[in-house]
């Protein structure tokens, strides 16, 4: 049962991969509001939905919200300072992962383009190879016919009164 669920998640991830590409430079372009702490309350249905299904777009939105929010703008009187450091470190790691995601998406696109070029080149070479193989077979047939004809002429030359020659000839077999 768990194997099927993992495969379904992978299929969803692959199917929506192009939609997910988000630039890590977005923080400079957009200002995110204060972190939405309502996502983590016990009665929030959004977290349960995220855990129950794989909604890549929603996960991407939560990840952006976590990464680019200004946690220090919140009321942090009751928050442990070590938690703040840990949260900021997590923000840096997520930002790194977003940057890596962008880099890999760009590399993937470049590799797809290279694959198309190489595939078309391979198809062209395959076509050329097939054409040359057909020409080679035609030339082999023609060569066999010429060898048989030459052999027939040699036999005729050896026969008495054949081709008007009185000198002995050497017959070479061409097969």
N, C-alpha and C. Protein backbone atom coordinates (compact mmCIF):
# COMPACT_ATOMS: atom_id res chain seq x y z
N UNK A 1 0.82 -1.19 0.00
CA UNK A 1 0.00 0.00 0.00
C UNK A 1 0.86 1.25 0.00
N UNK A 2 1.94 1.25 0.82
CA UNK A 2 2.79 2.44 0.89
C UNK A 2 3.59 2.61 -0.40
N UNK A 3 3.93 1.51 -1.07
CA UNK A 3 4.67 1.62 -2.32
C UNK A 3 3.83 2.31 -3.38
N UNK A 4 2.55 1.99 -3.45
CA UNK A 4 1.66 2.61 -4.43
C UNK A 4 1.54 4.10 -4.14
N UNK A 5 1.42 4.44 -2.87
CA UNK A 5 1.29 5.85 -2.49
C UNK A 5 2.54 6.63 -2.88
N UNK A 6 3.73 6.05 -2.65
CA UNK A 6 4.97 6.72 -3.03
C UNK A 6 5.02 6.92 -4.54
N UNK A 7 4.63 5.90 -5.31
CA UNK A 7 4.65 6.02 -6.77
C UNK A 7 3.69 7.10 -7.23
N UNK A 8 2.52 7.18 -6.58
CA UNK A 8 1.56 8.22 -6.95
C UNK A 8 2.15 9.59 -6.68
N UNK A 9 2.82 9.74 -5.56
CA UNK A 9 3.44 11.03 -5.23
C UNK A 9 4.51 11.38 -6.24
N UNK A 10 5.31 10.40 -6.64
CA UNK A 10 6.35 10.66 -7.64
C UNK A 10 5.72 11.09 -8.94
N UNK A 11 4.64 10.42 -9.36
CA UNK A 11 3.96 10.80 -10.59
C UNK A 11 3.45 12.23 -10.51
N UNK A 12 2.89 12.60 -9.37
CA UNK A 12 2.39 13.96 -9.20
C UNK A 12 3.54 14.94 -9.25
N UNK A 13 4.66 14.59 -8.62
CA UNK A 13 5.82 15.48 -8.63
C UNK A 13 6.36 15.66 -10.03
N UNK A 14 6.43 14.60 -10.79
CA UNK A 14 6.94 14.69 -12.15
C UNK A 14 5.97 15.47 -13.03
N UNK A 15 4.69 15.23 -12.87
CA UNK A 15 3.69 15.86 -13.73
C UNK A 15 3.65 17.37 -13.54
N UNK A 16 3.94 17.84 -12.34
CA UNK A 16 3.82 19.27 -12.08
C UNK A 16 5.17 19.93 -11.90
N UNK A 17 6.23 19.27 -12.28
CA UNK A 17 7.57 19.81 -12.07
C UNK A 17 7.77 21.16 -12.74
N UNK A 18 7.27 21.32 -13.96
CA UNK A 18 7.46 22.57 -14.67
C UNK A 18 6.70 23.71 -14.01
N UNK A 19 5.59 23.40 -13.33
CA UNK A 19 4.82 24.43 -12.66
C UNK A 19 5.49 24.88 -11.39
N UNK A 20 6.38 24.06 -10.84
CA UNK A 20 6.91 24.31 -9.52
C UNK A 20 8.12 25.23 -9.52
N UNK A 21 8.79 25.38 -10.63
CA UNK A 21 10.03 26.13 -10.68
C UNK A 21 9.80 27.55 -10.16
N UNK A 22 10.49 27.85 -9.08
CA UNK A 22 10.35 29.15 -8.44
C UNK A 22 11.74 29.71 -8.25
N UNK A 23 11.91 30.95 -8.54
CA UNK A 23 13.21 31.57 -8.42
C UNK A 23 13.52 31.91 -6.98
N UNK A 24 14.71 31.60 -6.54
CA UNK A 24 15.13 31.95 -5.19
C UNK A 24 15.35 33.44 -5.05
N UNK A 25 15.48 34.12 -6.18
CA UNK A 25 15.65 35.57 -6.14
C UNK A 25 14.33 36.28 -5.89
N UNK A 26 13.28 35.54 -5.70
CA UNK A 26 11.97 36.12 -5.50
C UNK A 26 11.92 37.01 -4.27
N UNK A 27 12.75 36.70 -3.29
CA UNK A 27 12.75 37.49 -2.06
C UNK A 27 13.10 38.93 -2.35
N UNK A 28 14.00 39.14 -3.29
CA UNK A 28 14.37 40.50 -3.64
C UNK A 28 13.27 41.19 -4.43
N UNK A 29 12.51 40.43 -5.21
CA UNK A 29 11.46 41.01 -6.04
C UNK A 29 10.18 41.28 -5.27
N UNK A 30 9.84 40.43 -4.33
CA UNK A 30 8.58 40.54 -3.62
C UNK A 30 8.84 40.65 -2.14
N UNK A 31 8.01 41.37 -1.47
CA UNK A 31 8.08 41.41 -0.02
C UNK A 31 6.97 40.55 0.51
N UNK A 32 7.34 39.58 1.32
CA UNK A 32 6.35 38.71 1.92
C UNK A 32 5.91 39.34 3.23
N UNK A 33 4.64 39.17 3.54
CA UNK A 33 4.12 39.67 4.80
C UNK A 33 4.69 38.84 5.94
N UNK A 34 4.31 39.20 7.12
CA UNK A 34 4.76 38.44 8.29
C UNK A 34 4.31 37.00 8.12
N UNK A 35 5.04 36.13 8.76
CA UNK A 35 4.80 34.70 8.64
C UNK A 35 3.39 34.37 9.12
N UNK A 36 2.72 33.53 8.37
CA UNK A 36 1.35 33.16 8.68
C UNK A 36 1.37 32.01 9.69
N UNK A 37 1.28 32.35 10.96
CA UNK A 37 1.34 31.34 12.02
C UNK A 37 0.07 30.52 12.13
N UNK A 38 -0.98 30.92 11.46
CA UNK A 38 -2.23 30.16 11.52
C UNK A 38 -2.11 28.81 10.84
N UNK A 39 -1.06 28.63 10.03
CA UNK A 39 -0.86 27.33 9.39
C UNK A 39 -0.54 26.25 10.41
N UNK A 40 -0.02 26.62 11.56
CA UNK A 40 0.47 25.63 12.50
C UNK A 40 -0.40 25.49 13.74
N UNK A 41 -1.59 26.00 13.72
CA UNK A 41 -2.49 25.79 14.85
C UNK A 41 -3.11 24.41 14.73
N UNK A 42 -3.57 23.87 15.84
CA UNK A 42 -4.12 22.51 15.85
C UNK A 42 -5.38 22.38 15.03
N UNK A 43 -6.16 23.44 14.95
CA UNK A 43 -7.43 23.35 14.26
C UNK A 43 -7.35 23.79 12.79
N UNK A 44 -6.15 23.94 12.28
CA UNK A 44 -5.98 24.39 10.89
C UNK A 44 -6.12 23.21 9.93
N UNK A 45 -7.10 23.24 9.03
CA UNK A 45 -7.28 22.11 8.10
C UNK A 45 -6.24 22.11 6.98
N UNK A 46 -5.53 23.22 6.77
CA UNK A 46 -4.57 23.29 5.66
C UNK A 46 -3.42 22.30 5.84
N UNK A 47 -2.91 22.19 7.05
CA UNK A 47 -1.80 21.27 7.29
C UNK A 47 -2.26 19.83 7.09
N UNK A 48 -3.45 19.51 7.56
CA UNK A 48 -3.97 18.16 7.37
C UNK A 48 -4.14 17.84 5.90
N UNK A 49 -4.59 18.83 5.12
CA UNK A 49 -4.74 18.62 3.69
C UNK A 49 -3.39 18.42 3.03
N UNK A 50 -2.39 19.20 3.43
CA UNK A 50 -1.05 19.05 2.86
C UNK A 50 -0.46 17.69 3.18
N UNK A 51 -0.73 17.20 4.38
CA UNK A 51 -0.22 15.88 4.75
C UNK A 51 -0.97 14.76 4.04
N UNK A 52 -2.25 14.96 3.77
CA UNK A 52 -3.08 13.93 3.17
C UNK A 52 -2.89 13.78 1.68
N UNK A 53 -2.58 14.85 1.01
CA UNK A 53 -2.41 14.80 -0.44
C UNK A 53 -1.16 15.56 -0.83
N UNK A 54 -0.68 15.32 -2.00
CA UNK A 54 0.51 16.01 -2.48
C UNK A 54 0.05 17.11 -3.42
N UNK A 55 -0.02 18.31 -2.87
CA UNK A 55 -0.37 19.48 -3.67
C UNK A 55 0.90 20.32 -3.80
N UNK A 56 1.59 20.12 -4.90
CA UNK A 56 2.89 20.75 -5.09
C UNK A 56 2.79 22.27 -5.02
N UNK A 57 1.77 22.83 -5.62
CA UNK A 57 1.60 24.28 -5.60
C UNK A 57 1.44 24.81 -4.19
N UNK A 58 0.63 24.12 -3.38
CA UNK A 58 0.43 24.55 -2.00
C UNK A 58 1.71 24.40 -1.19
N UNK A 59 2.40 23.30 -1.39
CA UNK A 59 3.68 23.11 -0.70
C UNK A 59 4.68 24.19 -1.09
N UNK A 60 4.69 24.54 -2.36
CA UNK A 60 5.60 25.58 -2.83
C UNK A 60 5.25 26.92 -2.17
N UNK A 61 3.97 27.22 -2.05
CA UNK A 61 3.55 28.47 -1.40
C UNK A 61 3.97 28.50 0.07
N UNK A 62 3.79 27.39 0.77
CA UNK A 62 4.19 27.33 2.18
C UNK A 62 5.70 27.48 2.29
N UNK A 63 6.43 26.83 1.39
CA UNK A 63 7.88 26.91 1.43
C UNK A 63 8.36 28.34 1.18
N UNK A 64 7.75 29.02 0.23
CA UNK A 64 8.11 30.42 -0.02
C UNK A 64 7.77 31.30 1.18
N UNK A 65 6.62 31.04 1.79
CA UNK A 65 6.21 31.81 2.95
C UNK A 65 7.21 31.61 4.09
N UNK A 66 7.61 30.37 4.32
CA UNK A 66 8.59 30.08 5.36
C UNK A 66 9.95 30.70 5.05
N UNK A 67 10.34 30.61 3.82
CA UNK A 67 11.69 31.04 3.44
C UNK A 67 11.87 32.54 3.47
N UNK A 68 10.91 33.27 2.93
CA UNK A 68 11.12 34.69 2.71
C UNK A 68 10.37 35.59 3.69
N UNK A 69 9.79 35.01 4.72
CA UNK A 69 9.09 35.86 5.69
C UNK A 69 10.09 36.48 6.66
N UNK A 70 9.70 37.55 7.29
CA UNK A 70 10.52 38.21 8.30
C UNK A 70 9.97 37.79 9.65
N UNK A 71 10.57 36.78 10.24
CA UNK A 71 10.07 36.24 11.51
C UNK A 71 10.23 37.25 12.63
N UNK A 72 11.18 38.14 12.51
CA UNK A 72 11.41 39.13 13.56
C UNK A 72 10.31 40.17 13.62
N UNK A 73 9.46 40.25 12.62
CA UNK A 73 8.35 41.19 12.64
C UNK A 73 7.19 40.66 13.49
N UNK A 74 7.25 39.39 13.87
CA UNK A 74 6.21 38.79 14.70
C UNK A 74 6.44 39.15 16.16
N UNK A 75 5.43 38.92 16.98
CA UNK A 75 5.54 39.09 18.43
C UNK A 75 6.28 37.88 18.98
N UNK A 76 7.52 38.08 19.36
CA UNK A 76 8.37 36.96 19.75
C UNK A 76 8.74 36.99 21.22
N UNK A 77 7.93 37.58 22.04
CA UNK A 77 8.25 37.68 23.46
C UNK A 77 8.36 36.32 24.11
N UNK A 78 7.59 35.37 23.66
CA UNK A 78 7.55 34.06 24.32
C UNK A 78 8.31 32.99 23.52
N UNK A 79 9.10 33.42 22.57
CA UNK A 79 9.83 32.47 21.73
C UNK A 79 11.27 32.39 22.19
N UNK A 80 11.76 31.19 22.28
CA UNK A 80 13.14 30.95 22.69
C UNK A 80 14.10 31.52 21.63
N UNK A 81 15.13 32.27 22.02
CA UNK A 81 16.10 32.82 21.05
C UNK A 81 16.80 31.73 20.21
N UNK A 82 16.99 30.57 20.80
CA UNK A 82 17.61 29.47 20.04
C UNK A 82 16.67 29.00 18.92
N UNK A 83 15.37 29.02 19.19
CA UNK A 83 14.41 28.67 18.14
C UNK A 83 14.52 29.67 16.99
N UNK A 84 14.71 30.94 17.32
CA UNK A 84 14.86 31.97 16.28
C UNK A 84 16.05 31.65 15.38
N UNK A 85 17.17 31.31 16.00
CA UNK A 85 18.37 30.97 15.23
C UNK A 85 18.11 29.73 14.37
N UNK A 86 17.46 28.75 14.96
CA UNK A 86 17.15 27.54 14.23
C UNK A 86 16.22 27.83 13.06
N UNK A 87 15.23 28.68 13.27
CA UNK A 87 14.29 29.03 12.22
C UNK A 87 15.01 29.77 11.09
N UNK A 88 15.89 30.69 11.43
CA UNK A 88 16.63 31.44 10.41
C UNK A 88 17.57 30.52 9.64
N UNK A 89 18.16 29.57 10.34
CA UNK A 89 19.01 28.58 9.66
C UNK A 89 18.17 27.74 8.70
N UNK A 90 16.98 27.35 9.13
CA UNK A 90 16.08 26.59 8.25
C UNK A 90 15.70 27.43 7.03
N UNK A 91 15.49 28.72 7.22
CA UNK A 91 15.19 29.60 6.09
C UNK A 91 16.33 29.61 5.08
N UNK A 92 17.56 29.69 5.57
CA UNK A 92 18.72 29.66 4.67
C UNK A 92 18.81 28.34 3.92
N UNK A 93 18.54 27.25 4.61
CA UNK A 93 18.60 25.94 3.93
C UNK A 93 17.52 25.83 2.87
N UNK A 94 16.32 26.30 3.17
CA UNK A 94 15.25 26.25 2.17
C UNK A 94 15.58 27.14 0.99
N UNK A 95 16.16 28.31 1.25
CA UNK A 95 16.55 29.20 0.16
C UNK A 95 17.60 28.53 -0.72
N UNK A 96 18.54 27.83 -0.08
CA UNK A 96 19.54 27.07 -0.85
C UNK A 96 18.86 26.00 -1.71
N UNK A 97 17.89 25.29 -1.13
CA UNK A 97 17.19 24.25 -1.89
C UNK A 97 16.41 24.85 -3.06
N UNK A 98 15.81 26.01 -2.86
CA UNK A 98 15.11 26.68 -3.97
C UNK A 98 16.09 27.07 -5.07
N UNK A 99 17.25 27.57 -4.66
CA UNK A 99 18.27 27.92 -5.65
C UNK A 99 18.72 26.66 -6.40
N UNK A 100 18.92 25.57 -5.67
CA UNK A 100 19.32 24.31 -6.31
C UNK A 100 18.23 23.82 -7.26
N UNK A 101 16.98 23.99 -6.86
CA UNK A 101 15.85 23.59 -7.70
C UNK A 101 15.87 24.37 -9.01
N UNK A 102 16.10 25.68 -8.92
CA UNK A 102 16.16 26.51 -10.12
C UNK A 102 17.32 26.09 -11.02
N UNK A 103 18.48 25.83 -10.39
CA UNK A 103 19.64 25.42 -11.15
C UNK A 103 19.39 24.10 -11.86
N UNK A 104 18.82 23.14 -11.15
CA UNK A 104 18.53 21.83 -11.74
C UNK A 104 17.48 21.93 -12.84
N UNK A 105 16.49 22.78 -12.65
CA UNK A 105 15.48 22.96 -13.70
C UNK A 105 16.11 23.56 -14.95
N UNK A 106 17.01 24.53 -14.77
CA UNK A 106 17.71 25.11 -15.91
C UNK A 106 18.60 24.08 -16.60
N UNK A 107 19.31 23.29 -15.80
CA UNK A 107 20.17 22.25 -16.36
C UNK A 107 19.34 21.21 -17.09
N UNK A 108 18.20 20.86 -16.52
CA UNK A 108 17.31 19.89 -17.15
C UNK A 108 16.86 20.40 -18.51
N UNK A 109 16.47 21.66 -18.58
CA UNK A 109 16.02 22.23 -19.84
C UNK A 109 17.15 22.23 -20.87
N UNK A 110 18.34 22.58 -20.43
CA UNK A 110 19.49 22.57 -21.33
C UNK A 110 19.77 21.15 -21.83
N UNK A 111 19.69 20.17 -20.95
CA UNK A 111 19.92 18.78 -21.34
C UNK A 111 18.84 18.28 -22.30
N UNK A 112 17.61 18.72 -22.10
CA UNK A 112 16.53 18.35 -23.02
C UNK A 112 16.83 18.89 -24.41
N UNK A 113 17.27 20.14 -24.48
CA UNK A 113 17.60 20.72 -25.79
C UNK A 113 18.77 19.99 -26.44
N UNK A 114 19.79 19.65 -25.64
CA UNK A 114 20.93 18.91 -26.18
C UNK A 114 20.49 17.52 -26.66
N UNK A 115 19.59 16.90 -25.90
CA UNK A 115 19.08 15.59 -26.29
C UNK A 115 18.35 15.66 -27.62
N UNK A 116 17.57 16.71 -27.83
CA UNK A 116 16.87 16.86 -29.10
C UNK A 116 17.85 17.00 -30.25
N UNK A 117 18.93 17.77 -30.05
CA UNK A 117 19.93 17.95 -31.10
C UNK A 117 20.63 16.63 -31.39
N UNK A 118 21.02 15.92 -30.34
CA UNK A 118 21.73 14.65 -30.52
C UNK A 118 20.80 13.61 -31.14
N UNK A 119 19.53 13.61 -30.74
CA UNK A 119 18.58 12.65 -31.31
C UNK A 119 18.37 12.90 -32.80
N UNK A 120 18.25 14.16 -33.17
CA UNK A 120 18.07 14.46 -34.60
C UNK A 120 19.33 14.09 -35.38
N UNK A 121 20.50 14.32 -34.80
CA UNK A 121 21.75 13.95 -35.45
C UNK A 121 21.84 12.43 -35.58
N UNK A 122 21.45 11.70 -34.53
CA UNK A 122 21.47 10.23 -34.58
C UNK A 122 20.50 9.72 -35.63
N UNK A 123 19.33 10.33 -35.73
CA UNK A 123 18.36 9.91 -36.74
C UNK A 123 18.91 10.16 -38.15
N UNK A 124 19.55 11.31 -38.32
CA UNK A 124 20.13 11.62 -39.62
C UNK A 124 21.23 10.61 -39.97
N UNK A 125 22.08 10.25 -38.99
CA UNK A 125 23.14 9.28 -39.24
C UNK A 125 22.56 7.89 -39.51
N UNK A 126 21.48 7.54 -38.83
CA UNK A 126 20.82 6.26 -39.08
C UNK A 126 20.27 6.21 -40.50
N UNK A 127 19.64 7.29 -40.92
CA UNK A 127 19.13 7.35 -42.29
C UNK A 127 20.25 7.23 -43.31
N UNK A 128 21.35 7.95 -43.06
CA UNK A 128 22.51 7.89 -43.96
C UNK A 128 23.08 6.48 -44.00
N UNK A 129 23.16 5.85 -42.83
CA UNK A 129 23.68 4.48 -42.75
C UNK A 129 22.81 3.52 -43.55
N UNK A 130 21.50 3.63 -43.40
CA UNK A 130 20.59 2.75 -44.14
C UNK A 130 20.72 2.98 -45.65
N UNK A 131 20.85 4.24 -46.04
CA UNK A 131 21.00 4.56 -47.47
C UNK A 131 22.30 3.97 -48.00
N UNK A 132 23.39 4.12 -47.24
CA UNK A 132 24.67 3.60 -47.69
C UNK A 132 24.67 2.07 -47.69
N UNK A 133 23.97 1.44 -46.76
CA UNK A 133 23.87 -0.03 -46.75
C UNK A 133 23.12 -0.50 -47.98
N UNK A 134 22.07 0.20 -48.38
CA UNK A 134 21.33 -0.17 -49.59
C UNK A 134 22.22 0.00 -50.82
N UNK A 135 22.98 1.09 -50.88
CA UNK A 135 23.90 1.30 -52.00
C UNK A 135 24.97 0.21 -52.04
N UNK A 136 25.47 -0.17 -50.86
CA UNK A 136 26.49 -1.22 -50.78
C UNK A 136 25.94 -2.54 -51.30
N UNK A 137 24.72 -2.89 -50.93
CA UNK A 137 24.11 -4.13 -51.43
C UNK A 137 23.93 -4.08 -52.94
N UNK A 138 23.52 -2.93 -53.46
CA UNK A 138 23.36 -2.79 -54.91
C UNK A 138 24.71 -2.93 -55.62
N UNK A 139 25.75 -2.34 -55.06
CA UNK A 139 27.08 -2.46 -55.65
C UNK A 139 27.61 -3.88 -55.56
N UNK A 140 27.30 -4.61 -54.48
CA UNK A 140 27.72 -6.01 -54.37
C UNK A 140 27.05 -6.85 -55.45
N UNK A 141 25.75 -6.62 -55.67
CA UNK A 141 25.04 -7.36 -56.72
C UNK A 141 25.65 -7.06 -58.08
N UNK A 142 25.91 -5.78 -58.32
CA UNK A 142 26.50 -5.39 -59.61
C UNK A 142 27.88 -6.01 -59.77
N UNK A 143 28.66 -6.06 -58.70
CA UNK A 143 30.00 -6.65 -58.75
C UNK A 143 29.91 -8.14 -59.07
N UNK A 144 28.94 -8.84 -58.46
CA UNK A 144 28.77 -10.27 -58.75
C UNK A 144 28.43 -10.49 -60.23
N UNK A 145 27.56 -9.65 -60.74
CA UNK A 145 27.17 -9.77 -62.15
C UNK A 145 28.38 -9.54 -63.06
N UNK A 146 29.17 -8.53 -62.73
CA UNK A 146 30.37 -8.24 -63.54
C UNK A 146 31.37 -9.39 -63.45
N UNK A 147 31.55 -9.97 -62.27
CA UNK A 147 32.48 -11.10 -62.13
C UNK A 147 32.00 -12.31 -62.93
N UNK A 148 30.70 -12.56 -62.87
CA UNK A 148 30.15 -13.69 -63.64
C UNK A 148 30.31 -13.45 -65.13
N UNK A 149 30.09 -12.24 -65.57
CA UNK A 149 30.25 -11.91 -66.98
C UNK A 149 31.71 -12.08 -67.40
N UNK A 150 32.63 -11.60 -66.57
CA UNK A 150 34.06 -11.75 -66.86
C UNK A 150 34.45 -13.22 -66.92
N UNK A 151 33.94 -14.02 -66.03
CA UNK A 151 34.21 -15.45 -66.04
C UNK A 151 33.67 -16.10 -67.32
N UNK A 152 32.50 -15.67 -67.74
CA UNK A 152 31.92 -16.21 -68.99
C UNK A 152 32.78 -15.83 -70.18
N UNK A 153 33.28 -14.59 -70.21
CA UNK A 153 34.17 -14.19 -71.31
C UNK A 153 35.46 -14.99 -71.30
N UNK A 154 36.00 -15.28 -70.14
CA UNK A 154 37.22 -16.09 -70.07
C UNK A 154 36.98 -17.50 -70.57
N UNK A 155 35.82 -18.07 -70.22
CA UNK A 155 35.49 -19.41 -70.73
C UNK A 155 35.35 -19.39 -72.24
N UNK A 156 34.73 -18.36 -72.77
CA UNK A 156 34.56 -18.26 -74.22
C UNK A 156 35.90 -18.09 -74.91
N UNK A 157 36.82 -17.37 -74.27
CA UNK A 157 38.14 -17.17 -74.87
C UNK A 157 38.94 -18.46 -74.89
N UNK A 158 38.73 -19.34 -73.96
CA UNK A 158 39.47 -20.60 -73.89
C UNK A 158 38.95 -21.62 -74.91
N UNK A 159 37.72 -21.52 -75.28
CA UNK A 159 37.12 -22.46 -76.21
C UNK A 159 37.77 -22.30 -77.58
N UNK A 160 37.89 -23.45 -78.27
CA UNK A 160 38.48 -23.33 -79.61
C UNK A 160 37.55 -22.52 -80.51
N UNK A 161 38.13 -21.55 -81.13
CA UNK A 161 37.38 -20.68 -82.04
C UNK A 161 36.62 -19.60 -81.29
N UNK A 162 36.80 -19.53 -80.01
CA UNK A 162 36.10 -18.50 -79.24
C UNK A 162 36.89 -17.22 -79.20
N UNK A 163 36.30 -16.16 -79.52
CA UNK A 163 36.85 -14.81 -79.51
C UNK A 163 38.08 -14.66 -80.39
N UNK A 164 38.36 -15.61 -81.29
CA UNK A 164 39.40 -15.50 -82.30
C UNK A 164 40.80 -15.56 -81.77
N UNK A 165 41.01 -16.11 -80.62
CA UNK A 165 42.35 -16.14 -80.04
C UNK A 165 42.92 -17.54 -80.17
N UNK A 166 44.22 -17.65 -80.51
CA UNK A 166 44.87 -18.94 -80.62
C UNK A 166 45.79 -19.17 -79.44
N UNK A 167 45.98 -18.19 -78.61
CA UNK A 167 46.86 -18.34 -77.46
C UNK A 167 46.08 -18.96 -76.28
N UNK A 168 46.78 -19.77 -75.53
CA UNK A 168 46.12 -20.34 -74.34
C UNK A 168 45.85 -19.23 -73.30
N UNK A 169 44.73 -19.33 -72.66
CA UNK A 169 44.39 -18.32 -71.64
C UNK A 169 44.26 -19.00 -70.29
N UNK A 170 44.48 -18.19 -69.28
CA UNK A 170 44.35 -18.68 -67.90
C UNK A 170 42.96 -18.30 -67.42
N UNK A 171 42.28 -19.30 -66.91
CA UNK A 171 40.91 -19.04 -66.40
C UNK A 171 40.99 -18.84 -64.91
N UNK A 172 40.44 -17.74 -64.45
CA UNK A 172 40.38 -17.47 -63.02
C UNK A 172 38.92 -17.49 -62.61
N UNK A 173 38.64 -18.19 -61.57
CA UNK A 173 37.23 -18.28 -61.10
C UNK A 173 36.93 -17.12 -60.17
N UNK A 174 35.85 -16.42 -60.50
CA UNK A 174 35.37 -15.33 -59.65
C UNK A 174 33.99 -15.70 -59.13
N UNK A 175 33.89 -15.86 -57.88
CA UNK A 175 32.59 -16.22 -57.31
C UNK A 175 32.20 -15.26 -56.26
